Amino acid sequence: MVTVRLYGRLTHRYDVKATQVPPGSLEEIIGAIVEKHPEIRPEDLKNARPIVKRAKAENDRQSGTQLQSGDELIFMSPVGGG
């Protein structure tokens, strides 16, 4: 499973701090999150910055397109101000 954590406005808006979904592409994972938590709007996740923490280091740069079991995906909502 991939652990997904929401930070910033996403946590406050949806009251979901973490969830687990099956491995896959970023689009597949967003779909799984929305299926598990229908109150979350997919647009909010697509507009957030995704940060991937790998379970193990890999040399293949192409591996970033698929998240593996044990990876952690963080969605940081955009921050504005000045």
C-alpha atoms as a PDB file:
ATOM      1  CA  MET A   1       0.000   0.000   0.000  1.00  0.00           C
ATOM      2  CA  VAL A   2       0.979   3.628  -0.518  1.00  0.00           C
ATOM      3  CA  THR A   3       0.535   5.935   2.466  1.00  0.00           C
ATOM      4  CA  VAL A   4      -0.975   9.279   1.438  1.00  0.00           C
ATOM      5  CA  ARG A   5      -0.773  12.315   3.721  1.00  0.00           C
ATOM      6  CA  LEU A   6      -2.576  15.624   3.236  1.00  0.00           C
ATOM      7  CA  TYR A   7      -1.113  18.879   4.558  1.00  0.00           C
ATOM      8  CA  GLY A   8      -2.119  22.515   4.738  1.00  0.00           C
ATOM      9  CA  ARG A   9      -5.569  23.591   3.565  1.00  0.00           C
ATOM     10  CA  LEU A  10      -6.343  20.050   2.400  1.00  0.00           C
ATOM     11  CA  THR A  11      -6.259  18.725   5.968  1.00  0.00           C
ATOM     12  CA  HIS A  12      -8.498  21.488   7.268  1.00  0.00           C
ATOM     13  CA  ARG A  13     -10.936  21.349   4.367  1.00  0.00           C
ATOM     14  CA  TYR A  14     -11.417  17.578   4.375  1.00  0.00           C
ATOM     15  CA  ASP A  15     -10.425  16.510   7.896  1.00  0.00           C
ATOM     16  CA  VAL A  16      -8.353  13.665   6.407  1.00  0.00           C
ATOM     17  CA  LYS A  17      -4.732  13.532   7.528  1.00  0.00           C
ATOM     18  CA  ALA A  18      -3.688  10.174   6.109  1.00  0.00           C
ATOM     19  CA  THR A  19      -5.028   7.236   4.154  1.00  0.00           C
ATOM     20  CA  GLN A  20      -3.668   4.190   2.356  1.00  0.00           C
ATOM     21  CA  VAL A  21      -4.323   3.221  -1.255  1.00  0.00           C
ATOM     22  CA  PRO A  22      -2.964   0.616  -3.676  1.00  0.00           C
ATOM     23  CA  PRO A  23       0.219   1.398  -5.656  1.00  0.00           C
ATOM     24  CA  GLY A  24      -0.063   2.949  -9.111  1.00  0.00           C
ATOM     25  CA  SER A  25       0.413   6.117 -11.107  1.00  0.00           C
ATOM     26  CA  LEU A  26      -0.340   9.503  -9.587  1.00  0.00           C
ATOM     27  CA  GLU A  27      -3.645   9.647 -11.519  1.00  0.00           C
ATOM     28  CA  GLU A  28      -4.625   6.167 -10.285  1.00  0.00           C
ATOM     29  CA  ILE A  29      -3.783   7.103  -6.724  1.00  0.00           C
ATOM     30  CA  ILE A  30      -5.819  10.320  -6.904  1.00  0.00           C
ATOM     31  CA  GLY A  31      -8.740   8.229  -8.203  1.00  0.00           C
ATOM     32  CA  ALA A  32      -8.349   5.758  -5.331  1.00  0.00           C
ATOM     33  CA  ILE A  33      -8.252   8.580  -2.770  1.00  0.00           C
ATOM     34  CA  VAL A  34     -11.443  10.132  -4.168  1.00  0.00           C
ATOM     35  CA  GLU A  35     -13.141   6.730  -4.248  1.00  0.00           C
ATOM     36  CA  LYS A  36     -12.214   6.123  -0.611  1.00  0.00           C
ATOM     37  CA  HIS A  37     -13.003   9.715   0.450  1.00  0.00           C
ATOM     38  CA  PRO A  38     -15.682  11.056  -1.944  1.00  0.00           C
ATOM     39  CA  GLU A  39     -15.741  14.407  -0.158  1.00  0.00           C
ATOM     40  CA  ILE A  40     -12.267  15.177  -1.557  1.00  0.00           C
ATOM     41  CA  ARG A  41     -12.355  17.006  -4.884  1.00  0.00           C
ATOM     42  CA  PRO A  42      -9.849  15.588  -7.394  1.00  0.00           C
ATOM     43  CA  GLU A  43      -9.059  19.145  -8.563  1.00  0.00           C
ATOM     44  CA  ASP A  44      -7.758  20.003  -5.102  1.00  0.00           C
ATOM     45  CA  LEU A  45      -5.311  17.088  -5.242  1.00  0.00           C
ATOM     46  CA  LYS A  46      -4.269  17.888  -8.818  1.00  0.00           C
ATOM     47  CA  ASN A  47      -3.569  21.507  -7.830  1.00  0.00           C
ATOM     48  CA  ALA A  48      -1.541  20.458  -4.781  1.00  0.00           C
ATOM     49  CA  ARG A  49       2.178  19.732  -4.908  1.00  0.00           C
ATOM     50  CA  PRO A  50       2.859  15.969  -4.719  1.00  0.00           C
ATOM     51  CA  ILE A  51       5.990  14.873  -2.866  1.00  0.00           C
ATOM     52  CA  VAL A  52       7.062  11.225  -3.026  1.00  0.00           C
ATOM     53  CA  LYS A  53       9.151   9.556  -0.351  1.00  0.00           C
ATOM     54  CA  ARG A  54      10.488   6.256  -1.637  1.00  0.00           C
ATOM     55  CA  ALA A  55      10.591   3.150   0.506  1.00  0.00           C
ATOM     56  CA  LYS A  56      14.015   2.423  -1.051  1.00  0.00           C
ATOM     57  CA  ALA A  57      16.348   4.373  -3.301  1.00  0.00           C
ATOM     58  CA  GLU A  58      16.169   3.538  -6.987  1.00  0.00           C
ATOM     59  CA  ASN A  59      18.522   4.573  -9.778  1.00  0.00           C
ATOM     60  CA  ASP A  60      15.860   4.507 -12.495  1.00  0.00           C
ATOM     61  CA  ARG A  61      14.584   8.049 -13.047  1.00  0.00           C
ATOM     62  CA  GLN A  62      11.528   6.677 -14.876  1.00  0.00           C
ATOM     63  CA  SER A  63      10.365   4.950 -11.676  1.00  0.00           C
ATOM     64  CA  GLY A  64       8.850   8.263 -10.533  1.00  0.00           C
ATOM     65  CA  THR A  65       5.815   7.626 -12.722  1.00  0.00           C
ATOM     66  CA  GLN A  66       4.663   4.697 -10.580  1.00  0.00           C
ATOM     67  CA  LEU A  67       4.416   4.632  -6.818  1.00  0.00           C
ATOM     68  CA  GLN A  68       5.310   1.338  -5.198  1.00  0.00           C
ATOM     69  CA  SER A  69       4.066  -0.376  -2.080  1.00  0.00           C
ATOM     70  CA  GLY A  70       5.779   1.201   0.925  1.00  0.00           C
ATOM     71  CA  ASP A  71       6.123   4.645  -0.699  1.00  0.00           C
ATOM     72  CA  GLU A  72       4.669   7.718   0.966  1.00  0.00           C
ATOM     73  CA  LEU A  73       2.899  10.402  -1.063  1.00  0.00           C
ATOM     74  CA  ILE A  74       2.370  13.843   0.450  1.00  0.00           C
ATOM     75  CA  PHE A  75       0.018  16.440  -1.018  1.00  0.00           C
ATOM     76  CA  MET A  76       0.937  20.002   0.003  1.00  0.00           C
ATOM     77  CA  SER A  77      -1.725  22.588  -0.761  1.00  0.00           C
ATOM     78  CA  PRO A  78      -0.461  25.771  -2.419  1.00  0.00           C
ATOM     79  CA  VAL A  79       0.218  28.633  -0.051  1.00  0.00           C
ATOM     80  CA  GLY A  80      -0.321  32.275  -0.898  1.00  0.00           C
ATOM     81  CA  GLY A  81       0.418  35.452   0.904  1.00  0.00           C
ATOM     82  CA  GLY A  82       2.939  38.154   1.086  1.00  0.00           C
END
